[in-house]
Amino acid sequence: MSAFWHFDAMKMNFVSYYRVSTEKQGLQGNGIEAQKQAVARYLASMDCELVGTFEEVESGANNKRPQLAAAIQMAKSKKAVLVIAKLDRLSRNASFLLALQDAKVDFCCCDMPHADPLSIGIIALLAQRERQLISERTMAGLAVAKQRGVVLGNPNPEKSLRKAVQANIKRKQEFAAAALKSIREIQSTGVETLTRIADCMNKRGEKTPRGGTWTATAVKRVLECVA
C-alpha cells in the first residue's frame, strides 16, 4: 500500500516540505505561510503527527535541494509521508518527480490528495512542457524586442531597489502603527504578556500583515518597530 494515493485509518506520521523560488520570497516569507496553512488544513482532518518540517529557497528547475533531501531522509527513517501544498512546489521537472516516486518515498499533494501515480506523472510531464514553452516564448519575445532596438533590463537597478526597500519599510511601519493601537487597547485591560496579547488579537479577528494569526513574536516585532 502506498500512502501516495491512499491512507489507512491508523495514525500516520508526516514530514512537510515548503519551497519558494526566489531569495526575496524566502526572506519575506511570501508563499511559505500559504503553503503551511494548506498543509495544516489537510492534516487537520486526520489522526496524524507532523514529525518534521523543512523549508527551502530554490528554483523549481534545480533538482539539487538539500532541504528536500533531508525531508526525504527523515520520511524514510520515520516511515512518514512527505506532504507538500502543491505539486509545483516539488518540481516542474517530470524526470525528477518520477525519480522521487521510484525512490519509494510516499508523498502527497494537498491540492490533489486523491491523485494516483499515473495521473501525477502525466501532470508532471504537462507542467514540464509548459515550463519549456514559457521559456521559449520569453526568449522569442526578447529577441524581437532586441531587433527593434528596445533596451532590455532596468537602466537604474540600484535606484529601483532602494525605492522597493523604502516602500516595504513604509508598509511595515504603517501596519505596525495600526496594530499598535489595538495592542495598546488590550494592554489597557491589564493584559501584559506577549502570548496573551497575541491571543487577544486573534480573538478580535486581527490579522498579521500576511493574513495569518498572531503570535508572541509578531506582537514583539510590532512593539520593536514603533519603539
C-alpha atoms as a PDB file:
ATOM      1  CA  MET A   1       0.000   0.000   0.000  1.00  0.00           C
ATOM      2  CA  SER A   2       1.328   3.383  -0.931  1.00  0.00           C
ATOM      3  CA  ALA A   3       0.411   6.434   1.120  1.00  0.00           C
ATOM      4  CA  PHE A   4       0.799   8.436  -2.072  1.00  0.00           C
ATOM      5  CA  TRP A   5      -2.842   7.975  -3.020  1.00  0.00           C
ATOM      6  CA  HIS A   6      -4.458   6.206  -0.070  1.00  0.00           C
ATOM      7  CA  PHE A   7      -4.171   6.390   3.722  1.00  0.00           C
ATOM      8  CA  ASP A   8      -5.358   3.849   6.284  1.00  0.00           C
ATOM      9  CA  ALA A   9      -7.351   4.885   9.331  1.00  0.00           C
ATOM     10  CA  MET A  10      -4.291   4.267  11.545  1.00  0.00           C
ATOM     11  CA  LYS A  11      -2.343   7.233  12.861  1.00  0.00           C
ATOM     12  CA  MET A  12       0.353   8.304  10.434  1.00  0.00           C
ATOM     13  CA  ASN A  13       3.456  10.444  10.546  1.00  0.00           C
ATOM     14  CA  PHE A  14       4.040  13.263   8.093  1.00  0.00           C
ATOM     15  CA  VAL A  15       7.057  15.352   7.087  1.00  0.00           C
ATOM     16  CA  SER A  16       6.244  18.675   5.427  1.00  0.00           C
ATOM     17  CA  TYR A  17       8.318  20.413   2.773  1.00  0.00           C
ATOM     18  CA  TYR A  18       7.878  24.045   1.731  1.00  0.00           C
ATOM     19  CA  ARG A  19       9.678  25.832  -1.099  1.00  0.00           C
ATOM     20  CA  VAL A  20       9.796  29.315  -2.565  1.00  0.00           C
ATOM     21  CA  SER A  21      11.618  30.030  -5.792  1.00  0.00           C
ATOM     22  CA  THR A  22      13.420  33.308  -5.038  1.00  0.00           C
ATOM     23  CA  GLU A  23      15.569  34.689  -2.257  1.00  0.00           C
ATOM     24  CA  LYS A  24      13.244  37.674  -1.942  1.00  0.00           C
ATOM     25  CA  GLN A  25      10.260  35.404  -1.363  1.00  0.00           C
ATOM     26  CA  GLY A  26      12.270  33.403   1.147  1.00  0.00           C
ATOM     27  CA  LEU A  27      13.409  36.425   3.140  1.00  0.00           C
ATOM     28  CA  GLN A  28       9.953  37.978   3.217  1.00  0.00           C
ATOM     29  CA  GLY A  29       8.133  34.706   3.852  1.00  0.00           C
ATOM     30  CA  ASN A  30       5.849  35.199   0.853  1.00  0.00           C
ATOM     31  CA  GLY A  31       4.319  31.919  -0.214  1.00  0.00           C
ATOM     32  CA  ILE A  32       5.619  29.836   2.705  1.00  0.00           C
ATOM     33  CA  GLU A  33       2.794  30.865   5.047  1.00  0.00           C
ATOM     34  CA  ALA A  34       0.143  29.980   2.473  1.00  0.00           C
ATOM     35  CA  GLN A  35       1.754  26.571   1.964  1.00  0.00           C
ATOM     36  CA  LYS A  36       1.832  25.950   5.724  1.00  0.00           C
ATOM     37  CA  GLN A  37      -1.838  26.840   6.036  1.00  0.00           C
ATOM     38  CA  ALA A  38      -2.753  24.465   3.201  1.00  0.00           C
ATOM     39  CA  VAL A  39      -0.829  21.603   4.829  1.00  0.00           C
ATOM     40  CA  ALA A  40      -2.337  22.392   8.249  1.00  0.00           C
ATOM     41  CA  ARG A  41      -5.865  22.267   6.836  1.00  0.00           C
ATOM     42  CA  TYR A  42      -5.117  18.994   5.076  1.00  0.00           C
ATOM     43  CA  LEU A  43      -3.670  17.288   8.166  1.00  0.00           C
ATOM     44  CA  ALA A  44      -6.363  18.648  10.497  1.00  0.00           C
ATOM     45  CA  SER A  45      -8.838  16.052   9.213  1.00  0.00           C
ATOM     46  CA  MET A  46      -6.528  13.122  10.047  1.00  0.00           C
ATOM     47  CA  ASP A  47      -5.309  11.348  13.131  1.00  0.00           C
ATOM     48  CA  CYS A  48      -1.666  12.076  12.426  1.00  0.00           C
ATOM     49  CA  GLU A  49       1.510  13.738  13.654  1.00  0.00           C
ATOM     50  CA  LEU A  50       3.792  16.187  11.855  1.00  0.00           C
ATOM     51  CA  VAL A  51       7.239  14.905  12.840  1.00  0.00           C
ATOM     52  CA  GLY A  52       9.371  17.239  10.718  1.00  0.00           C
ATOM     53  CA  THR A  53       9.264  20.476   8.731  1.00  0.00           C
ATOM     54  CA  PHE A  54      11.701  21.633   6.054  1.00  0.00           C
ATOM     55  CA  GLU A  55      11.864  24.928   4.129  1.00  0.00           C
ATOM     56  CA  GLU A  56      13.929  25.870   1.103  1.00  0.00           C
ATOM     57  CA  VAL A  57      14.589  28.783  -1.243  1.00  0.00           C
ATOM     58  CA  GLU A  58      15.396  27.258  -4.608  1.00  0.00           C
ATOM     59  CA  SER A  59      14.339  27.380  -8.242  1.00  0.00           C
ATOM     60  CA  GLY A  60      11.910  24.681  -9.315  1.00  0.00           C
ATOM     61  CA  ALA A  61      14.228  23.837 -12.197  1.00  0.00           C
ATOM     62  CA  ASN A  62      17.041  22.905  -9.806  1.00  0.00           C
ATOM     63  CA  ASN A  63      16.923  19.282  -8.669  1.00  0.00           C
ATOM     64  CA  LYS A  64      19.746  19.683  -6.114  1.00  0.00           C
ATOM     65  CA  ARG A  65      17.906  20.725  -2.971  1.00  0.00           C
ATOM     66  CA  PRO A  66      19.497  19.802   0.377  1.00  0.00           C
ATOM     67  CA  GLN A  67      16.399  20.527   2.452  1.00  0.00           C
ATOM     68  CA  LEU A  68      14.237  18.339   0.241  1.00  0.00           C
ATOM     69  CA  ALA A  69      16.857  15.595   0.500  1.00  0.00           C
ATOM     70  CA  ALA A  70      16.772  15.945   4.292  1.00  0.00           C
ATOM     71  CA  ALA A  71      12.979  15.805   4.279  1.00  0.00           C
ATOM     72  CA  ILE A  72      13.029  12.626   2.193  1.00  0.00           C
ATOM     73  CA  GLN A  73      15.611  11.057   4.504  1.00  0.00           C
ATOM     74  CA  MET A  74      13.506  11.817   7.577  1.00  0.00           C
ATOM     75  CA  ALA A  75      10.375  10.495   5.868  1.00  0.00           C
ATOM     76  CA  LYS A  76      12.184   7.242   5.144  1.00  0.00           C
ATOM     77  CA  SER A  77      13.650   6.876   8.650  1.00  0.00           C
ATOM     78  CA  LYS A  78      10.340   7.585  10.388  1.00  0.00           C
ATOM     79  CA  LYS A  79       8.211   5.755   7.834  1.00  0.00           C
ATOM     80  CA  ALA A  80       6.410   9.030   7.265  1.00  0.00           C
ATOM     81  CA  VAL A  81       4.638  10.599   4.305  1.00  0.00           C
ATOM     82  CA  LEU A  82       6.210  13.616   2.622  1.00  0.00           C
ATOM     83  CA  VAL A  83       3.459  16.225   2.287  1.00  0.00           C
ATOM     84  CA  ILE A  84       3.544  19.366   0.139  1.00  0.00           C
ATOM     85  CA  ALA A  85       0.952  22.065  -0.500  1.00  0.00           C
ATOM     86  CA  LYS A  86       1.070  21.989  -4.299  1.00  0.00           C
ATOM     87  CA  LEU A  87       2.633  19.760  -6.920  1.00  0.00           C
ATOM     88  CA  ASP A  88       4.666  22.627  -8.400  1.00  0.00           C
ATOM     89  CA  ARG A  89       6.371  23.152  -5.014  1.00  0.00           C
ATOM     90  CA  LEU A  90       8.216  19.864  -5.585  1.00  0.00           C
ATOM     91  CA  SER A  91       9.281  20.385  -9.165  1.00  0.00           C
ATOM     92  CA  ARG A  92       8.151  21.060 -12.680  1.00  0.00           C
ATOM     93  CA  ASN A  93      10.800  18.604 -13.822  1.00  0.00           C
ATOM     94  CA  ALA A  94       8.987  15.385 -14.750  1.00  0.00           C
ATOM     95  CA  SER A  95      12.071  13.154 -14.589  1.00  0.00           C
ATOM     96  CA  PHE A  96      12.848  14.420 -11.098  1.00  0.00           C
ATOM     97  CA  LEU A  97       9.313  13.813  -9.839  1.00  0.00           C
ATOM     98  CA  LEU A  98       9.188  10.335 -11.350  1.00  0.00           C
ATOM     99  CA  ALA A  99      12.599   9.559  -9.827  1.00  0.00           C
ATOM    100  CA  LEU A 100      11.203  10.587  -6.451  1.00  0.00           C
ATOM    101  CA  GLN A 101       8.421   8.055  -6.903  1.00  0.00           C
ATOM    102  CA  ASP A 102      10.986   5.394  -7.797  1.00  0.00           C
ATOM    103  CA  ALA A 103      12.825   6.157  -4.530  1.00  0.00           C
ATOM    104  CA  LYS A 104       9.863   4.566  -2.701  1.00  0.00           C
ATOM    105  CA  VAL A 105       9.065   7.721  -0.766  1.00  0.00           C
ATOM    106  CA  ASP A 106       5.369   8.093  -0.025  1.00  0.00           C
ATOM    107  CA  PHE A 107       4.269  11.641  -0.683  1.00  0.00           C
ATOM    108  CA  CYS A 108       1.067  13.547  -1.261  1.00  0.00           C
ATOM    109  CA  CYS A 109      -0.012  16.935  -2.566  1.00  0.00           C
ATOM    110  CA  CYS A 110      -2.692  18.863  -0.678  1.00  0.00           C
ATOM    111  CA  ASP A 111      -4.131  20.298  -3.899  1.00  0.00           C
ATOM    112  CA  MET A 112      -4.748  16.811  -5.320  1.00  0.00           C
ATOM    113  CA  PRO A 113      -4.827  14.351  -2.404  1.00  0.00           C
ATOM    114  CA  HIS A 114      -6.545  11.538  -4.299  1.00  0.00           C
ATOM    115  CA  ALA A 115      -4.351  11.581  -7.391  1.00  0.00           C
ATOM    116  CA  ASP A 116      -2.668   8.287  -8.240  1.00  0.00           C
ATOM    117  CA  PRO A 117       0.938   7.900  -9.507  1.00  0.00           C
ATOM    118  CA  LEU A 118      -0.150   7.677 -13.157  1.00  0.00           C
ATOM    119  CA  SER A 119      -2.075  10.960 -13.108  1.00  0.00           C
ATOM    120  CA  ILE A 120       0.736  12.664 -11.190  1.00  0.00           C
ATOM    121  CA  GLY A 121       3.211  11.505 -13.814  1.00  0.00           C
ATOM    122  CA  ILE A 122       1.041  12.892 -16.632  1.00  0.00           C
ATOM    123  CA  ILE A 123       0.575  16.215 -14.797  1.00  0.00           C
ATOM    124  CA  ALA A 124       4.319  16.448 -14.208  1.00  0.00           C
ATOM    125  CA  LEU A 125       5.024  15.911 -17.917  1.00  0.00           C
ATOM    126  CA  LEU A 126       2.491  18.595 -18.867  1.00  0.00           C
ATOM    127  CA  ALA A 127       3.936  21.000 -16.285  1.00  0.00           C
ATOM    128  CA  GLN A 128       7.444  20.458 -17.624  1.00  0.00           C
ATOM    129  CA  ARG A 129       6.253  21.095 -21.181  1.00  0.00           C
ATOM    130  CA  GLU A 130       4.519  24.292 -20.091  1.00  0.00           C
ATOM    131  CA  ARG A 131       7.730  25.492 -18.430  1.00  0.00           C
ATOM    132  CA  GLN A 132       9.619  24.828 -21.676  1.00  0.00           C
ATOM    133  CA  LEU A 133       7.019  26.721 -23.727  1.00  0.00           C
ATOM    134  CA  ILE A 134       7.134  29.716 -21.368  1.00  0.00           C
ATOM    135  CA  SER A 135      10.919  29.817 -21.682  1.00  0.00           C
ATOM    136  CA  GLU A 136      10.748  29.595 -25.473  1.00  0.00           C
ATOM    137  CA  ARG A 137       8.111  32.349 -25.700  1.00  0.00           C
ATOM    138  CA  THR A 138      10.128  34.581 -23.390  1.00  0.00           C
ATOM    139  CA  MET A 139      13.323  34.130 -25.402  1.00  0.00           C
ATOM    140  CA  ALA A 140      11.469  34.774 -28.659  1.00  0.00           C
ATOM    141  CA  GLY A 141       9.893  37.936 -27.253  1.00  0.00           C
ATOM    142  CA  LEU A 142      13.238  39.242 -26.031  1.00  0.00           C
ATOM    143  CA  ALA A 143      14.833  38.559 -29.405  1.00  0.00           C
ATOM    144  CA  VAL A 144      12.097  40.512 -31.231  1.00  0.00           C
ATOM    145  CA  ALA A 145      12.398  43.406 -28.763  1.00  0.00           C
ATOM    146  CA  LYS A 146      16.174  43.487 -29.214  1.00  0.00           C
ATOM    147  CA  GLN A 147      15.805  43.593 -33.013  1.00  0.00           C
ATOM    148  CA  ARG A 148      13.531  46.619 -32.631  1.00  0.00           C
ATOM    149  CA  GLY A 149      16.199  48.414 -30.626  1.00  0.00           C
ATOM    150  CA  VAL A 150      14.494  48.109 -27.252  1.00  0.00           C
ATOM    151  CA  VAL A 151      16.971  48.446 -24.387  1.00  0.00           C
ATOM    152  CA  LEU A 152      16.397  45.450 -22.157  1.00  0.00           C
ATOM    153  CA  GLY A 153      16.812  45.495 -18.415  1.00  0.00           C
ATOM    154  CA  ASN A 154      16.401  48.168 -15.781  1.00  0.00           C
ATOM    155  CA  PRO A 155      18.692  51.145 -16.559  1.00  0.00           C
ATOM    156  CA  ASN A 156      18.944  52.031 -12.865  1.00  0.00           C
ATOM    157  CA  PRO A 157      18.510  48.860 -10.769  1.00  0.00           C
ATOM    158  CA  GLU A 158      20.081  50.387  -7.639  1.00  0.00           C
ATOM    159  CA  LYS A 159      17.504  53.178  -7.566  1.00  0.00           C
ATOM    160  CA  SER A 160      14.634  50.754  -8.136  1.00  0.00           C
ATOM    161  CA  LEU A 161      15.889  48.528  -5.353  1.00  0.00           C
ATOM    162  CA  ARG A 162      16.133  51.465  -2.941  1.00  0.00           C
ATOM    163  CA  LYS A 163      12.581  52.510  -3.771  1.00  0.00           C
ATOM    164  CA  ALA A 164      11.304  48.975  -3.267  1.00  0.00           C
ATOM    165  CA  VAL A 165      13.040  48.691   0.099  1.00  0.00           C
ATOM    166  CA  GLN A 166      11.725  52.086   1.206  1.00  0.00           C
ATOM    167  CA  ALA A 167       8.187  51.171   0.129  1.00  0.00           C
ATOM    168  CA  ASN A 168       8.395  47.905   2.039  1.00  0.00           C
ATOM    169  CA  ILE A 169       9.619  49.679   5.180  1.00  0.00           C
ATOM    170  CA  LYS A 170       6.816  52.229   4.884  1.00  0.00           C
ATOM    171  CA  ARG A 171       4.179  49.489   4.581  1.00  0.00           C
ATOM    172  CA  LYS A 172       5.552  47.759   7.671  1.00  0.00           C
ATOM    173  CA  GLN A 173       5.573  50.985   9.661  1.00  0.00           C
ATOM    174  CA  GLU A 174       2.008  51.834   8.646  1.00  0.00           C
ATOM    175  CA  PHE A 175       0.794  48.376   9.610  1.00  0.00           C
ATOM    176  CA  ALA A 176       2.707  48.481  12.907  1.00  0.00           C
ATOM    177  CA  ALA A 177       1.150  51.845  13.774  1.00  0.00           C
ATOM    178  CA  ALA A 178      -2.346  50.492  13.135  1.00  0.00           C
ATOM    179  CA  ALA A 179      -1.687  47.250  15.035  1.00  0.00           C
ATOM    180  CA  LEU A 180      -0.159  49.161  17.952  1.00  0.00           C
ATOM    181  CA  LYS A 181      -3.481  50.872  18.583  1.00  0.00           C
ATOM    182  CA  SER A 182      -5.158  47.501  19.122  1.00  0.00           C
ATOM    183  CA  ILE A 183      -2.258  46.252  21.235  1.00  0.00           C
ATOM    184  CA  ARG A 184      -2.425  49.326  23.487  1.00  0.00           C
ATOM    185  CA  GLU A 185      -6.164  48.814  23.921  1.00  0.00           C
ATOM    186  CA  ILE A 186      -5.538  45.228  25.012  1.00  0.00           C
ATOM    187  CA  GLN A 187      -2.746  46.278  27.377  1.00  0.00           C
ATOM    188  CA  SER A 188      -5.031  48.864  28.975  1.00  0.00           C
ATOM    189  CA  THR A 189      -7.231  45.996  30.223  1.00  0.00           C
ATOM    190  CA  GLY A 190      -4.352  44.552  32.228  1.00  0.00           C
ATOM    191  CA  VAL A 191      -3.085  42.044  29.672  1.00  0.00           C
ATOM    192  CA  GLU A 192       0.706  42.306  29.573  1.00  0.00           C
ATOM    193  CA  THR A 193       2.414  39.148  28.305  1.00  0.00           C
ATOM    194  CA  LEU A 194       3.124  38.867  24.588  1.00  0.00           C
ATOM    195  CA  THR A 195       1.399  35.481  24.378  1.00  0.00           C
ATOM    196  CA  ARG A 196      -1.820  36.750  25.959  1.00  0.00           C
ATOM    197  CA  ILE A 197      -1.780  39.871  23.787  1.00  0.00           C
ATOM    198  CA  ALA A 198      -1.431  37.672  20.681  1.00  0.00           C
ATOM    199  CA  ASP A 199      -4.337  35.530  21.867  1.00  0.00           C
ATOM    200  CA  CYS A 200      -6.498  38.629  22.324  1.00  0.00           C
ATOM    201  CA  MET A 201      -5.542  39.919  18.876  1.00  0.00           C
ATOM    202  CA  ASN A 202      -6.650  36.628  17.342  1.00  0.00           C
ATOM    203  CA  LYS A 203      -9.939  36.641  19.280  1.00  0.00           C
ATOM    204  CA  ARG A 204     -10.596  40.168  17.997  1.00  0.00           C
ATOM    205  CA  GLY A 205     -10.177  38.915  14.440  1.00  0.00           C
ATOM    206  CA  GLU A 206      -6.983  40.902  13.850  1.00  0.00           C
ATOM    207  CA  LYS A 207      -4.630  39.580  11.159  1.00  0.00           C
ATOM    208  CA  THR A 208      -0.878  39.828  10.659  1.00  0.00           C
ATOM    209  CA  PRO A 209       0.480  41.565   7.508  1.00  0.00           C
ATOM    210  CA  ARG A 210       0.366  38.231   5.660  1.00  0.00           C
ATOM    211  CA  GLY A 211      -3.148  37.413   6.834  1.00  0.00           C
ATOM    212  CA  GLY A 212      -2.026  34.877   9.432  1.00  0.00           C
ATOM    213  CA  THR A 213      -2.652  34.504  13.159  1.00  0.00           C
ATOM    214  CA  TRP A 214      -0.826  36.497  15.797  1.00  0.00           C
ATOM    215  CA  THR A 215       1.992  35.031  17.874  1.00  0.00           C
ATOM    216  CA  ALA A 216       4.088  36.433  20.703  1.00  0.00           C
ATOM    217  CA  THR A 217       6.906  37.031  18.204  1.00  0.00           C
ATOM    218  CA  ALA A 218       4.622  39.004  15.872  1.00  0.00           C
ATOM    219  CA  VAL A 219       3.485  41.217  18.760  1.00  0.00           C
ATOM    220  CA  LYS A 220       7.101  41.768  19.812  1.00  0.00           C
ATOM    221  CA  ARG A 221       8.046  42.845  16.275  1.00  0.00           C
ATOM    222  CA  VAL A 222       5.280  45.453  16.230  1.00  0.00           C
ATOM    223  CA  LEU A 223       6.388  46.876  19.569  1.00  0.00           C
ATOM    224  CA  GLU A 224      10.029  46.970  18.408  1.00  0.00           C
ATOM    225  CA  CYS A 225       9.057  48.602  15.094  1.00  0.00           C
ATOM    226  CA  VAL A 226       7.405  51.559  16.801  1.00  0.00           C
ATOM    227  CA  ALA A 227       9.785  51.780  19.740  1.00  0.00           C
END
